[in-house]
Amino acid sequence: MDAVLSLGSNLGDREATLEAAVRDLGKVPGLSVTGVSPLYESAAVKPDGVDEDAPRYLNLAVGIRFTGDALTLLDAVNTIENEHGRVRSERWGDRTLDIDVVVFGALEQADARLTLPHPRAADRDFVLAPWLDLDPDAVLPGRGPVSGLLAAIGSTVRRYPAQEASR
């Protein structure tokens, strides 16, 4: 099954954490990484909105192919988050690593553990912009083309300067 993951980090060495997480994804049995977007930087989003005082996030999108089911994938990405020091003490709190399953093929589901497609993906420029770089023809099931969704909400994210300098 083809899937898209959204990765973010705003604590510690953000860039190194994301690079290590992508390598770790490639070690998951049955998972192959098919693409990695450029890095983007964004403000932290908290339950009450954007928090300009919180450390900024680095974000990227990863395309994968996975032979297991969606909950097995969720377990695998949660394990990677934990291995990178993820602490779940505050909803939408600062974190060393966050990995969200954005889409898993065209699967639509909602249960206590996982909602697919990701319920807030259409409203998050830090998910849509990297995903669009990964796949210019991407479509969020039930919502439409990613390009149109990003145009509708506007983008406040920017390519991460350190990466631009290395190109």
C-alpha atoms as a PDB file:
ATOM      1  CA  MET A   1       0.000   0.000   0.000  1.00  0.00           C
ATOM      2  CA  ASP A   2       1.296   3.457  -0.836  1.00  0.00           C
ATOM      3  CA  ALA A   3       1.147   5.936   2.033  1.00  0.00           C
ATOM      4  CA  VAL A   4       2.317   9.414   2.988  1.00  0.00           C
ATOM      5  CA  LEU A   5       3.821  10.288   6.353  1.00  0.00           C
ATOM      6  CA  SER A   6       4.341  13.763   7.772  1.00  0.00           C
ATOM      7  CA  LEU A   7       7.338  14.184  10.079  1.00  0.00           C
ATOM      8  CA  GLY A   8       8.079  17.123  12.348  1.00  0.00           C
ATOM      9  CA  SER A   9      10.524  18.088  15.072  1.00  0.00           C
ATOM     10  CA  ASN A  10      10.933  21.221  17.183  1.00  0.00           C
ATOM     11  CA  LEU A  11      13.216  20.062  20.008  1.00  0.00           C
ATOM     12  CA  GLY A  12      16.876  19.134  19.946  1.00  0.00           C
ATOM     13  CA  ASP A  13      18.811  18.777  16.687  1.00  0.00           C
ATOM     14  CA  ARG A  14      15.717  18.873  14.482  1.00  0.00           C
ATOM     15  CA  GLU A  15      17.459  18.186  11.193  1.00  0.00           C
ATOM     16  CA  ALA A  16      19.506  15.252  12.533  1.00  0.00           C
ATOM     17  CA  THR A  17      16.416  13.768  14.191  1.00  0.00           C
ATOM     18  CA  LEU A  18      14.412  13.891  10.969  1.00  0.00           C
ATOM     19  CA  GLU A  19      17.267  12.399   8.946  1.00  0.00           C
ATOM     20  CA  ALA A  20      17.615   9.563  11.479  1.00  0.00           C
ATOM     21  CA  ALA A  21      13.845   8.989  11.501  1.00  0.00           C
ATOM     22  CA  VAL A  22      13.790   8.599   7.703  1.00  0.00           C
ATOM     23  CA  ARG A  23      16.641   6.065   7.976  1.00  0.00           C
ATOM     24  CA  ASP A  24      14.719   4.252  10.734  1.00  0.00           C
ATOM     25  CA  LEU A  25      11.606   4.087   8.540  1.00  0.00           C
ATOM     26  CA  GLY A  26      13.669   2.295   5.913  1.00  0.00           C
ATOM     27  CA  LYS A  27      14.497  -0.406   8.482  1.00  0.00           C
ATOM     28  CA  VAL A  28      10.852  -1.263   9.237  1.00  0.00           C
ATOM     29  CA  PRO A  29      10.057  -4.728   7.849  1.00  0.00           C
ATOM     30  CA  GLY A  30       7.826  -4.463   4.785  1.00  0.00           C
ATOM     31  CA  LEU A  31       8.355  -0.707   4.408  1.00  0.00           C
ATOM     32  CA  SER A  32      10.244   0.975   1.599  1.00  0.00           C
ATOM     33  CA  VAL A  33      10.767   4.726   1.367  1.00  0.00           C
ATOM     34  CA  THR A  34       9.733   5.935  -2.103  1.00  0.00           C
ATOM     35  CA  GLY A  35      10.417   9.664  -1.667  1.00  0.00           C
ATOM     36  CA  VAL A  36      11.438  12.362   0.780  1.00  0.00           C
ATOM     37  CA  SER A  37      10.428  16.009   0.420  1.00  0.00           C
ATOM     38  CA  PRO A  38      12.637  18.999   1.108  1.00  0.00           C
ATOM     39  CA  LEU A  39      12.599  20.329   4.670  1.00  0.00           C
ATOM     40  CA  TYR A  40      10.230  23.138   5.618  1.00  0.00           C
ATOM     41  CA  GLU A  41      10.209  25.317   8.718  1.00  0.00           C
ATOM     42  CA  SER A  42       6.990  26.308  10.459  1.00  0.00           C
ATOM     43  CA  ALA A  43       5.693  27.900  13.615  1.00  0.00           C
ATOM     44  CA  ALA A  44       4.440  25.607  16.372  1.00  0.00           C
ATOM     45  CA  VAL A  45       0.682  25.002  16.327  1.00  0.00           C
ATOM     46  CA  LYS A  46      -0.913  24.444  19.725  1.00  0.00           C
ATOM     47  CA  PRO A  47      -4.564  23.768  20.644  1.00  0.00           C
ATOM     48  CA  ASP A  48      -5.114  27.546  20.979  1.00  0.00           C
ATOM     49  CA  GLY A  49      -3.428  28.373  17.656  1.00  0.00           C
ATOM     50  CA  VAL A  50       0.041  29.363  16.488  1.00  0.00           C
ATOM     51  CA  ASP A  51       2.570  29.782  19.297  1.00  0.00           C
ATOM     52  CA  GLU A  52       5.327  32.091  18.045  1.00  0.00           C
ATOM     53  CA  ASP A  53       7.157  31.701  21.384  1.00  0.00           C
ATOM     54  CA  ALA A  54       7.579  27.938  21.010  1.00  0.00           C
ATOM     55  CA  PRO A  55      10.538  26.512  19.106  1.00  0.00           C
ATOM     56  CA  ARG A  56       9.918  26.340  15.348  1.00  0.00           C
ATOM     57  CA  TYR A  57       9.363  23.001  13.631  1.00  0.00           C
ATOM     58  CA  LEU A  58      11.183  21.391  10.781  1.00  0.00           C
ATOM     59  CA  ASN A  59       8.779  19.329   8.683  1.00  0.00           C
ATOM     60  CA  LEU A  60       8.971  16.964   5.749  1.00  0.00           C
ATOM     61  CA  ALA A  61       6.815  14.434   3.936  1.00  0.00           C
ATOM     62  CA  VAL A  62       7.850  10.859   3.220  1.00  0.00           C
ATOM     63  CA  GLY A  63       6.291   8.631   0.590  1.00  0.00           C
ATOM     64  CA  ILE A  64       6.352   4.950   1.464  1.00  0.00           C
ATOM     65  CA  ARG A  65       5.160   1.582   0.256  1.00  0.00           C
ATOM     66  CA  PHE A  66       4.106  -0.751   3.071  1.00  0.00           C
ATOM     67  CA  THR A  67       3.068  -4.403   2.966  1.00  0.00           C
ATOM     68  CA  GLY A  68       1.284  -4.361   6.343  1.00  0.00           C
ATOM     69  CA  ASP A  69      -1.928  -2.721   7.491  1.00  0.00           C
ATOM     70  CA  ALA A  70      -2.456   0.837   8.727  1.00  0.00           C
ATOM     71  CA  LEU A  71      -2.411  -0.011  12.450  1.00  0.00           C
ATOM     72  CA  THR A  72       0.819  -1.970  12.069  1.00  0.00           C
ATOM     73  CA  LEU A  73       2.300   1.097  10.365  1.00  0.00           C
ATOM     74  CA  LEU A  74       1.047   3.295  13.210  1.00  0.00           C
ATOM     75  CA  ASP A  75       2.726   0.974  15.735  1.00  0.00           C
ATOM     76  CA  ALA A  76       5.990   1.175  13.768  1.00  0.00           C
ATOM     77  CA  VAL A  77       6.024   4.979  13.568  1.00  0.00           C
ATOM     78  CA  ASN A  78       5.080   5.280  17.251  1.00  0.00           C
ATOM     79  CA  THR A  79       8.057   3.049  18.090  1.00  0.00           C
ATOM     80  CA  ILE A  80      10.365   5.300  16.051  1.00  0.00           C
ATOM     81  CA  GLU A  81       8.964   8.391  17.812  1.00  0.00           C
ATOM     82  CA  ASN A  82       9.608   6.785  21.200  1.00  0.00           C
ATOM     83  CA  GLU A  83      13.151   5.785  20.229  1.00  0.00           C
ATOM     84  CA  HIS A  84      13.808   9.457  19.479  1.00  0.00           C
ATOM     85  CA  GLY A  85      12.610  10.632  22.886  1.00  0.00           C
ATOM     86  CA  ARG A  86       9.004  11.519  22.080  1.00  0.00           C
ATOM     87  CA  VAL A  87       7.110  12.436  25.256  1.00  0.00           C
ATOM     88  CA  ARG A  88       3.303  12.588  25.153  1.00  0.00           C
ATOM     89  CA  SER A  89       2.541  14.761  28.168  1.00  0.00           C
ATOM     90  CA  GLU A  90       0.784  17.663  26.441  1.00  0.00           C
ATOM     91  CA  ARG A  91      -1.623  17.655  23.482  1.00  0.00           C
ATOM     92  CA  TRP A  92       0.217  19.153  20.506  1.00  0.00           C
ATOM     93  CA  GLY A  93       3.169  19.895  22.797  1.00  0.00           C
ATOM     94  CA  ASP A  94       6.737  20.481  21.731  1.00  0.00           C
ATOM     95  CA  ARG A  95       8.415  17.258  20.659  1.00  0.00           C
ATOM     96  CA  THR A  96      11.606  15.706  19.439  1.00  0.00           C
ATOM     97  CA  LEU A  97       9.731  13.800  16.746  1.00  0.00           C
ATOM     98  CA  ASP A  98       6.184  13.540  15.453  1.00  0.00           C
ATOM     99  CA  ILE A  99       5.233  11.124  12.681  1.00  0.00           C
ATOM    100  CA  ASP A 100       1.673  11.240  11.361  1.00  0.00           C
ATOM    101  CA  VAL A 101       0.141   8.813   8.890  1.00  0.00           C
ATOM    102  CA  VAL A 102      -1.512  11.257   6.481  1.00  0.00           C
ATOM    103  CA  VAL A 103      -2.909   8.803   3.940  1.00  0.00           C
ATOM    104  CA  PHE A 104      -2.761   5.039   3.565  1.00  0.00           C
ATOM    105  CA  GLY A 105      -3.804   4.414  -0.013  1.00  0.00           C
ATOM    106  CA  ALA A 106      -7.438   5.452  -0.320  1.00  0.00           C
ATOM    107  CA  LEU A 107      -8.339   3.944   3.060  1.00  0.00           C
ATOM    108  CA  GLU A 108     -10.905   5.879   5.058  1.00  0.00           C
ATOM    109  CA  GLN A 109     -11.307   4.874   8.679  1.00  0.00           C
ATOM    110  CA  ALA A 110     -11.954   6.413  12.051  1.00  0.00           C
ATOM    111  CA  ASP A 111     -11.423   4.562  15.280  1.00  0.00           C
ATOM    112  CA  ALA A 112      -9.913   5.200  18.694  1.00  0.00           C
ATOM    113  CA  ARG A 113      -6.347   4.772  17.398  1.00  0.00           C
ATOM    114  CA  LEU A 114      -6.246   6.114  13.858  1.00  0.00           C
ATOM    115  CA  THR A 115      -8.279   8.343  11.564  1.00  0.00           C
ATOM    116  CA  LEU A 116      -7.482   8.236   7.860  1.00  0.00           C
ATOM    117  CA  PRO A 117      -6.987  10.388   5.978  1.00  0.00           C
ATOM    118  CA  HIS A 118      -5.462  12.480   8.758  1.00  0.00           C
ATOM    119  CA  PRO A 119      -8.340  14.671   9.978  1.00  0.00           C
ATOM    120  CA  ARG A 120      -6.385  17.950  10.000  1.00  0.00           C
ATOM    121  CA  ALA A 121      -4.107  17.440   6.973  1.00  0.00           C
ATOM    122  CA  ALA A 122      -6.204  19.687   4.702  1.00  0.00           C
ATOM    123  CA  ASP A 123      -5.713  22.609   7.107  1.00  0.00           C
ATOM    124  CA  ARG A 124      -1.978  22.278   7.700  1.00  0.00           C
ATOM    125  CA  ASP A 125       0.379  23.985   5.316  1.00  0.00           C
ATOM    126  CA  PHE A 126       3.301  22.229   7.018  1.00  0.00           C
ATOM    127  CA  VAL A 127       1.803  18.931   5.793  1.00  0.00           C
ATOM    128  CA  LEU A 128       0.554  20.062   2.385  1.00  0.00           C
ATOM    129  CA  ALA A 129       3.600  22.025   1.133  1.00  0.00           C
ATOM    130  CA  PRO A 130       6.125  19.191   1.631  1.00  0.00           C
ATOM    131  CA  TRP A 131       3.611  16.651   0.291  1.00  0.00           C
ATOM    132  CA  LEU A 132       3.121  18.745  -2.835  1.00  0.00           C
ATOM    133  CA  ASP A 133       6.900  18.754  -3.389  1.00  0.00           C
ATOM    134  CA  LEU A 134       6.877  14.986  -3.009  1.00  0.00           C
ATOM    135  CA  ASP A 135       3.965  14.545  -5.437  1.00  0.00           C
ATOM    136  CA  PRO A 136       2.667  17.524  -7.482  1.00  0.00           C
ATOM    137  CA  ASP A 137      -0.439  15.485  -8.404  1.00  0.00           C
ATOM    138  CA  ALA A 138      -1.243  14.405  -4.829  1.00  0.00           C
ATOM    139  CA  VAL A 139      -4.883  14.130  -3.807  1.00  0.00           C
ATOM    140  CA  LEU A 140      -6.189  14.013  -0.249  1.00  0.00           C
ATOM    141  CA  PRO A 141      -9.036  11.466  -0.380  1.00  0.00           C
ATOM    142  CA  GLY A 142     -12.379  13.092   0.277  1.00  0.00           C
ATOM    143  CA  ARG A 143     -10.895  16.611   0.122  1.00  0.00           C
ATOM    144  CA  GLY A 144      -9.304  17.021  -3.309  1.00  0.00           C
ATOM    145  CA  PRO A 145      -5.997  17.977  -4.914  1.00  0.00           C
ATOM    146  CA  VAL A 146      -3.310  18.970  -2.430  1.00  0.00           C
ATOM    147  CA  SER A 147      -2.349  21.931  -4.654  1.00  0.00           C
ATOM    148  CA  GLY A 148      -5.873  23.361  -4.368  1.00  0.00           C
ATOM    149  CA  LEU A 149      -6.044  22.740  -0.629  1.00  0.00           C
ATOM    150  CA  LEU A 150      -2.743  24.552  -0.090  1.00  0.00           C
ATOM    151  CA  ALA A 151      -3.821  27.445  -2.312  1.00  0.00           C
ATOM    152  CA  ALA A 152      -7.062  27.759  -0.335  1.00  0.00           C
ATOM    153  CA  ILE A 153      -5.382  28.049   3.066  1.00  0.00           C
ATOM    154  CA  GLY A 154      -2.246  29.886   1.979  1.00  0.00           C
ATOM    155  CA  SER A 155       1.214  28.943   3.110  1.00  0.00           C
ATOM    156  CA  THR A 156       3.212  30.359   5.985  1.00  0.00           C
ATOM    157  CA  VAL A 157       5.912  27.683   5.819  1.00  0.00           C
ATOM    158  CA  ARG A 158       9.229  28.144   4.072  1.00  0.00           C
ATOM    159  CA  ARG A 159      11.905  25.858   2.783  1.00  0.00           C
ATOM    160  CA  TYR A 160      14.530  25.358   5.414  1.00  0.00           C
ATOM    161  CA  PRO A 161      17.473  27.672   4.580  1.00  0.00           C
ATOM    162  CA  ALA A 162      20.207  25.203   5.554  1.00  0.00           C
ATOM    163  CA  GLN A 163      18.879  22.756   2.973  1.00  0.00           C
ATOM    164  CA  GLU A 164      18.583  25.424   0.271  1.00  0.00           C
ATOM    165  CA  ALA A 165      22.250  26.363   0.808  1.00  0.00           C
ATOM    166  CA  SER A 166      23.334  22.758   0.276  1.00  0.00           C
ATOM    167  CA  ARG A 167      21.573  22.346  -3.090  1.00  0.00           C
END
